[in-house]
Amino acid sequence: TGLSGLGRNVFTPEVMQKLGACLARAEGMSNLDEIAGKRVMMARQMYIETQEALEGLEGK
């Protein structure tokens, strides 16, 4: 997954919630800028992958 057990301590539910809110705001702001939009899409993908990795750690 790329995340160790340390990931749970760093990416707490509160941190992930704040990251998600920031990404949502960035997505709204980047609609007029193609390059910014692509960067935000990459950040969203990393956010999704981090969420999935954290869910995988919960099962261990």
PDB file of N, CA and C in Angstrom:
ATOM      1  N   THR A   1       0.812  -1.208   0.000  1.00  0.00           N
ATOM      2  CA  THR A   1       0.000   0.000   0.000  1.00  0.00           C
ATOM      3  C   THR A   1       0.846   1.259   0.000  1.00  0.00           C
ATOM      4  N   GLY A   2       2.065   1.181   0.493  1.00  0.00           N
ATOM      5  CA  GLY A   2       2.887   2.367   0.568  1.00  0.00           C
ATOM      6  C   GLY A   2       2.786   3.077   1.913  1.00  0.00           C
ATOM      7  N   LEU A   3       1.800   2.749   2.711  1.00  0.00           N
ATOM      8  CA  LEU A   3       1.656   3.341   4.044  1.00  0.00           C
ATOM      9  C   LEU A   3       1.976   2.293   5.091  1.00  0.00           C
ATOM     10  N   SER A   4       2.685   2.712   6.100  1.00  0.00           N
ATOM     11  CA  SER A   4       2.956   1.811   7.220  1.00  0.00           C
ATOM     12  C   SER A   4       1.946   2.095   8.314  1.00  0.00           C
ATOM     13  N   GLY A   5       2.114   1.426   9.425  1.00  0.00           N
ATOM     14  CA  GLY A   5       1.248   1.684  10.569  1.00  0.00           C
ATOM     15  C   GLY A   5       1.322   3.136  11.015  1.00  0.00           C
ATOM     16  N   LEU A   6       2.430   3.786  10.717  1.00  0.00           N
ATOM     17  CA  LEU A   6       2.591   5.200  11.049  1.00  0.00           C
ATOM     18  C   LEU A   6       1.543   6.057  10.343  1.00  0.00           C
ATOM     19  N   GLY A   7       1.084   5.604   9.188  1.00  0.00           N
ATOM     20  CA  GLY A   7       0.089   6.356   8.426  1.00  0.00           C
ATOM     21  C   GLY A   7      -1.160   6.665   9.224  1.00  0.00           C
ATOM     22  N   ARG A   8      -1.560   5.748  10.086  1.00  0.00           N
ATOM     23  CA  ARG A   8      -2.754   5.972  10.916  1.00  0.00           C
ATOM     24  C   ARG A   8      -2.565   7.144  11.862  1.00  0.00           C
ATOM     25  N   ASN A   9      -1.323   7.330  12.325  1.00  0.00           N
ATOM     26  CA  ASN A   9      -1.041   8.422  13.256  1.00  0.00           C
ATOM     27  C   ASN A   9      -0.923   9.764  12.552  1.00  0.00           C
ATOM     28  N   VAL A  10      -0.505   9.745  11.301  1.00  0.00           N
ATOM     29  CA  VAL A  10      -0.326  10.979  10.538  1.00  0.00           C
ATOM     30  C   VAL A  10      -1.625  11.381   9.857  1.00  0.00           C
ATOM     31  N   PHE A  11      -2.236  10.443   9.164  1.00  0.00           N
ATOM     32  CA  PHE A  11      -3.458  10.717   8.405  1.00  0.00           C
ATOM     33  C   PHE A  11      -4.674  10.330   9.238  1.00  0.00           C
ATOM     34  N   THR A  12      -4.911  11.087  10.290  1.00  0.00           N
ATOM     35  CA  THR A  12      -6.058  10.836  11.163  1.00  0.00           C
ATOM     36  C   THR A  12      -7.340  11.188  10.418  1.00  0.00           C
ATOM     37  N   PRO A  13      -8.491  10.714  10.885  1.00  0.00           N
ATOM     38  CA  PRO A  13      -9.750  11.086  10.227  1.00  0.00           C
ATOM     39  C   PRO A  13      -9.929  12.608  10.125  1.00  0.00           C
ATOM     40  N   GLU A  14      -9.487  13.329  11.145  1.00  0.00           N
ATOM     41  CA  GLU A  14      -9.619  14.788  11.119  1.00  0.00           C
ATOM     42  C   GLU A  14      -8.754  15.401  10.020  1.00  0.00           C
ATOM     43  N   VAL A  15      -7.526  14.904   9.882  1.00  0.00           N
ATOM     44  CA  VAL A  15      -6.622  15.406   8.848  1.00  0.00           C
ATOM     45  C   VAL A  15      -7.186  15.088   7.467  1.00  0.00           C
ATOM     46  N   MET A  16      -7.682  13.866   7.289  1.00  0.00           N
ATOM     47  CA  MET A  16      -8.239  13.488   5.988  1.00  0.00           C
ATOM     48  C   MET A  16      -9.469  14.325   5.662  1.00  0.00           C
ATOM     49  N   GLN A  17     -10.267  14.644   6.655  1.00  0.00           N
ATOM     50  CA  GLN A  17     -11.443  15.480   6.429  1.00  0.00           C
ATOM     51  C   GLN A  17     -11.016  16.876   5.975  1.00  0.00           C
ATOM     52  N   LYS A  18     -10.009  17.433   6.625  1.00  0.00           N
ATOM     53  CA  LYS A  18      -9.517  18.759   6.231  1.00  0.00           C
ATOM     54  C   LYS A  18      -8.919  18.732   4.831  1.00  0.00           C
ATOM     55  N   LEU A  19      -8.152  17.685   4.527  1.00  0.00           N
ATOM     56  CA  LEU A  19      -7.586  17.555   3.188  1.00  0.00           C
ATOM     57  C   LEU A  19      -8.680  17.471   2.132  1.00  0.00           C
ATOM     58  N   GLY A  20      -9.715  16.694   2.422  1.00  0.00           N
ATOM     59  CA  GLY A  20     -10.831  16.569   1.488  1.00  0.00           C
ATOM     60  C   GLY A  20     -11.526  17.896   1.259  1.00  0.00           C
ATOM     61  N   ALA A  21     -11.711  18.664   2.320  1.00  0.00           N
ATOM     62  CA  ALA A  21     -12.351  19.974   2.192  1.00  0.00           C
ATOM     63  C   ALA A  21     -11.481  20.929   1.378  1.00  0.00           C
ATOM     64  N   CYS A  22     -10.183  20.898   1.612  1.00  0.00           N
ATOM     65  CA  CYS A  22      -9.272  21.751   0.840  1.00  0.00           C
ATOM     66  C   CYS A  22      -9.273  21.366  -0.633  1.00  0.00           C
ATOM     67  N   LEU A  23      -9.294  20.070  -0.904  1.00  0.00           N
ATOM     68  CA  LEU A  23      -9.341  19.620  -2.294  1.00  0.00           C
ATOM     69  C   LEU A  23     -10.630  20.050  -2.973  1.00  0.00           C
ATOM     70  N   ALA A  24     -11.736  19.954  -2.274  1.00  0.00           N
ATOM     71  CA  ALA A  24     -13.016  20.372  -2.851  1.00  0.00           C
ATOM     72  C   ALA A  24     -12.978  21.856  -3.196  1.00  0.00           C
ATOM     73  N   ARG A  25     -12.409  22.657  -2.308  1.00  0.00           N
ATOM     74  CA  ARG A  25     -12.308  24.091  -2.567  1.00  0.00           C
ATOM     75  C   ARG A  25     -11.372  24.353  -3.751  1.00  0.00           C
ATOM     76  N   ALA A  26     -10.248  23.641  -3.809  1.00  0.00           N
ATOM     77  CA  ALA A  26      -9.295  23.801  -4.909  1.00  0.00           C
ATOM     78  C   ALA A  26      -9.916  23.383  -6.233  1.00  0.00           C
ATOM     79  N   GLU A  27     -10.728  22.322  -6.201  1.00  0.00           N
ATOM     80  CA  GLU A  27     -11.394  21.886  -7.434  1.00  0.00           C
ATOM     81  C   GLU A  27     -12.314  22.981  -7.962  1.00  0.00           C
ATOM     82  N   GLY A  28     -13.019  23.640  -7.081  1.00  0.00           N
ATOM     83  CA  GLY A  28     -13.900  24.725  -7.499  1.00  0.00           C
ATOM     84  C   GLY A  28     -13.139  25.918  -8.037  1.00  0.00           C
ATOM     85  N   MET A  29     -11.986  26.199  -7.466  1.00  0.00           N
ATOM     86  CA  MET A  29     -11.197  27.356  -7.878  1.00  0.00           C
ATOM     87  C   MET A  29     -10.409  27.104  -9.157  1.00  0.00           C
ATOM     88  N   SER A  30     -10.151  25.854  -9.502  1.00  0.00           N
ATOM     89  CA  SER A  30      -9.284  25.546 -10.641  1.00  0.00           C
ATOM     90  C   SER A  30     -10.042  25.342 -11.942  1.00  0.00           C
ATOM     91  N   ASN A  31     -11.337  25.571 -11.937  1.00  0.00           N
ATOM     92  CA  ASN A  31     -12.141  25.336 -13.140  1.00  0.00           C
ATOM     93  C   ASN A  31     -11.687  26.157 -14.340  1.00  0.00           C
ATOM     94  N   LEU A  32     -11.126  27.330 -14.115  1.00  0.00           N
ATOM     95  CA  LEU A  32     -10.754  28.210 -15.218  1.00  0.00           C
ATOM     96  C   LEU A  32      -9.298  28.062 -15.639  1.00  0.00           C
ATOM     97  N   ASP A  33      -8.528  27.267 -14.943  1.00  0.00           N
ATOM     98  CA  ASP A  33      -7.100  27.119 -15.225  1.00  0.00           C
ATOM     99  C   ASP A  33      -6.792  25.649 -15.472  1.00  0.00           C
ATOM    100  N   GLU A  34      -6.456  25.320 -16.705  1.00  0.00           N
ATOM    101  CA  GLU A  34      -6.253  23.920 -17.081  1.00  0.00           C
ATOM    102  C   GLU A  34      -5.100  23.273 -16.316  1.00  0.00           C
ATOM    103  N   ILE A  35      -3.983  23.975 -16.179  1.00  0.00           N
ATOM    104  CA  ILE A  35      -2.826  23.406 -15.485  1.00  0.00           C
ATOM    105  C   ILE A  35      -3.146  23.189 -14.012  1.00  0.00           C
ATOM    106  N   ALA A  36      -3.759  24.182 -13.389  1.00  0.00           N
ATOM    107  CA  ALA A  36      -4.141  24.033 -11.977  1.00  0.00           C
ATOM    108  C   ALA A  36      -5.127  22.884 -11.825  1.00  0.00           C
ATOM    109  N   GLY A  37      -6.049  22.760 -12.765  1.00  0.00           N
ATOM    110  CA  GLY A  37      -7.023  21.673 -12.721  1.00  0.00           C
ATOM    111  C   GLY A  37      -6.357  20.308 -12.751  1.00  0.00           C
ATOM    112  N   LYS A  38      -5.331  20.172 -13.581  1.00  0.00           N
ATOM    113  CA  LYS A  38      -4.611  18.897 -13.659  1.00  0.00           C
ATOM    114  C   LYS A  38      -3.869  18.600 -12.360  1.00  0.00           C
ATOM    115  N   ARG A  39      -3.302  19.629 -11.773  1.00  0.00           N
ATOM    116  CA  ARG A  39      -2.600  19.435 -10.500  1.00  0.00           C
ATOM    117  C   ARG A  39      -3.570  19.025  -9.401  1.00  0.00           C
ATOM    118  N   VAL A  40      -4.724  19.654  -9.386  1.00  0.00           N
ATOM    119  CA  VAL A  40      -5.731  19.310  -8.378  1.00  0.00           C
ATOM    120  C   VAL A  40      -6.226  17.887  -8.607  1.00  0.00           C
ATOM    121  N   MET A  41      -6.388  17.487  -9.863  1.00  0.00           N
ATOM    122  CA  MET A  41      -6.809  16.108 -10.154  1.00  0.00           C
ATOM    123  C   MET A  41      -5.772  15.108  -9.638  1.00  0.00           C
ATOM    124  N   MET A  42      -4.488  15.430  -9.799  1.00  0.00           N
ATOM    125  CA  MET A  42      -3.433  14.550  -9.286  1.00  0.00           C
ATOM    126  C   MET A  42      -3.488  14.483  -7.764  1.00  0.00           C
ATOM    127  N   ALA A  43      -3.715  15.621  -7.127  1.00  0.00           N
ATOM    128  CA  ALA A  43      -3.819  15.643  -5.662  1.00  0.00           C
ATOM    129  C   ALA A  43      -5.020  14.838  -5.197  1.00  0.00           C
ATOM    130  N   ARG A  44      -6.132  14.934  -5.916  1.00  0.00           N
ATOM    131  CA  ARG A  44      -7.335  14.166  -5.564  1.00  0.00           C
ATOM    132  C   ARG A  44      -7.037  12.677  -5.672  1.00  0.00           C
ATOM    133  N   GLN A  45      -6.327  12.272  -6.722  1.00  0.00           N
ATOM    134  CA  GLN A  45      -5.996  10.856  -6.892  1.00  0.00           C
ATOM    135  C   GLN A  45      -5.117  10.366  -5.746  1.00  0.00           C
ATOM    136  N   MET A  46      -4.138  11.172  -5.336  1.00  0.00           N
ATOM    137  CA  MET A  46      -3.287  10.789  -4.205  1.00  0.00           C
ATOM    138  C   MET A  46      -4.110  10.703  -2.925  1.00  0.00           C
ATOM    139  N   TYR A  47      -5.068  11.593  -2.756  1.00  0.00           N
ATOM    140  CA  TYR A  47      -5.954  11.577  -1.588  1.00  0.00           C
ATOM    141  C   TYR A  47      -6.760  10.275  -1.563  1.00  0.00           C
ATOM    142  N   ILE A  48      -7.312   9.902  -2.710  1.00  0.00           N
ATOM    143  CA  ILE A  48      -8.102   8.667  -2.811  1.00  0.00           C
ATOM    144  C   ILE A  48      -7.225   7.454  -2.500  1.00  0.00           C
ATOM    145  N   GLU A  49      -6.020   7.430  -3.054  1.00  0.00           N
ATOM    146  CA  GLU A  49      -5.115   6.307  -2.804  1.00  0.00           C
ATOM    147  C   GLU A  49      -4.719   6.229  -1.331  1.00  0.00           C
ATOM    148  N   THR A  50      -4.543   7.381  -0.693  1.00  0.00           N
ATOM    149  CA  THR A  50      -4.219   7.402   0.732  1.00  0.00           C
ATOM    150  C   THR A  50      -5.383   6.853   1.548  1.00  0.00           C
ATOM    151  N   GLN A  51      -6.606   7.260   1.199  1.00  0.00           N
ATOM    152  CA  GLN A  51      -7.786   6.737   1.896  1.00  0.00           C
ATOM    153  C   GLN A  51      -7.862   5.221   1.762  1.00  0.00           C
ATOM    154  N   GLU A  52      -7.644   4.725   0.550  1.00  0.00           N
ATOM    155  CA  GLU A  52      -7.704   3.283   0.318  1.00  0.00           C
ATOM    156  C   GLU A  52      -6.622   2.555   1.108  1.00  0.00           C
ATOM    157  N   ALA A  53      -5.427   3.126   1.155  1.00  0.00           N
ATOM    158  CA  ALA A  53      -4.336   2.502   1.907  1.00  0.00           C
ATOM    159  C   ALA A  53      -4.653   2.480   3.398  1.00  0.00           C
ATOM    160  N   LEU A  54      -5.234   3.556   3.904  1.00  0.00           N
ATOM    161  CA  LEU A  54      -5.607   3.593   5.320  1.00  0.00           C
ATOM    162  C   LEU A  54      -6.672   2.549   5.629  1.00  0.00           C
ATOM    163  N   GLU A  55      -7.619   2.372   4.721  1.00  0.00           N
ATOM    164  CA  GLU A  55      -8.647   1.345   4.914  1.00  0.00           C
ATOM    165  C   GLU A  55      -8.007  -0.036   4.928  1.00  0.00           C
ATOM    166  N   GLY A  56      -6.977  -0.236   4.100  1.00  0.00           N
ATOM    167  CA  GLY A  56      -6.259  -1.504   4.081  1.00  0.00           C
ATOM    168  C   GLY A  56      -5.526  -1.769   5.385  1.00  0.00           C
ATOM    169  N   LEU A  57      -5.012  -0.709   6.007  1.00  0.00           N
ATOM    170  CA  LEU A  57      -4.325  -0.862   7.293  1.00  0.00           C
ATOM    171  C   LEU A  57      -5.292  -1.232   8.399  1.00  0.00           C
ATOM    172  N   GLU A  58      -6.526  -0.755   8.310  1.00  0.00           N
ATOM    173  CA  GLU A  58      -7.524  -1.055   9.337  1.00  0.00           C
ATOM    174  C   GLU A  58      -7.814  -2.546   9.406  1.00  0.00           C
ATOM    175  N   GLY A  59      -7.709  -3.217   8.266  1.00  0.00           N
ATOM    176  CA  GLY A  59      -7.989  -4.641   8.229  1.00  0.00           C
ATOM    177  C   GLY A  59      -6.867  -5.495   8.794  1.00  0.00           C
ATOM    178  N   LYS A  60      -5.731  -4.878   9.089  1.00  0.00           N
ATOM    179  CA  LYS A  60      -4.568  -5.643   9.579  1.00  0.00           C
ATOM    180  C   LYS A  60      -4.466  -5.595  11.068  1.00  0.00           C
TER     181      LYS A  60
END
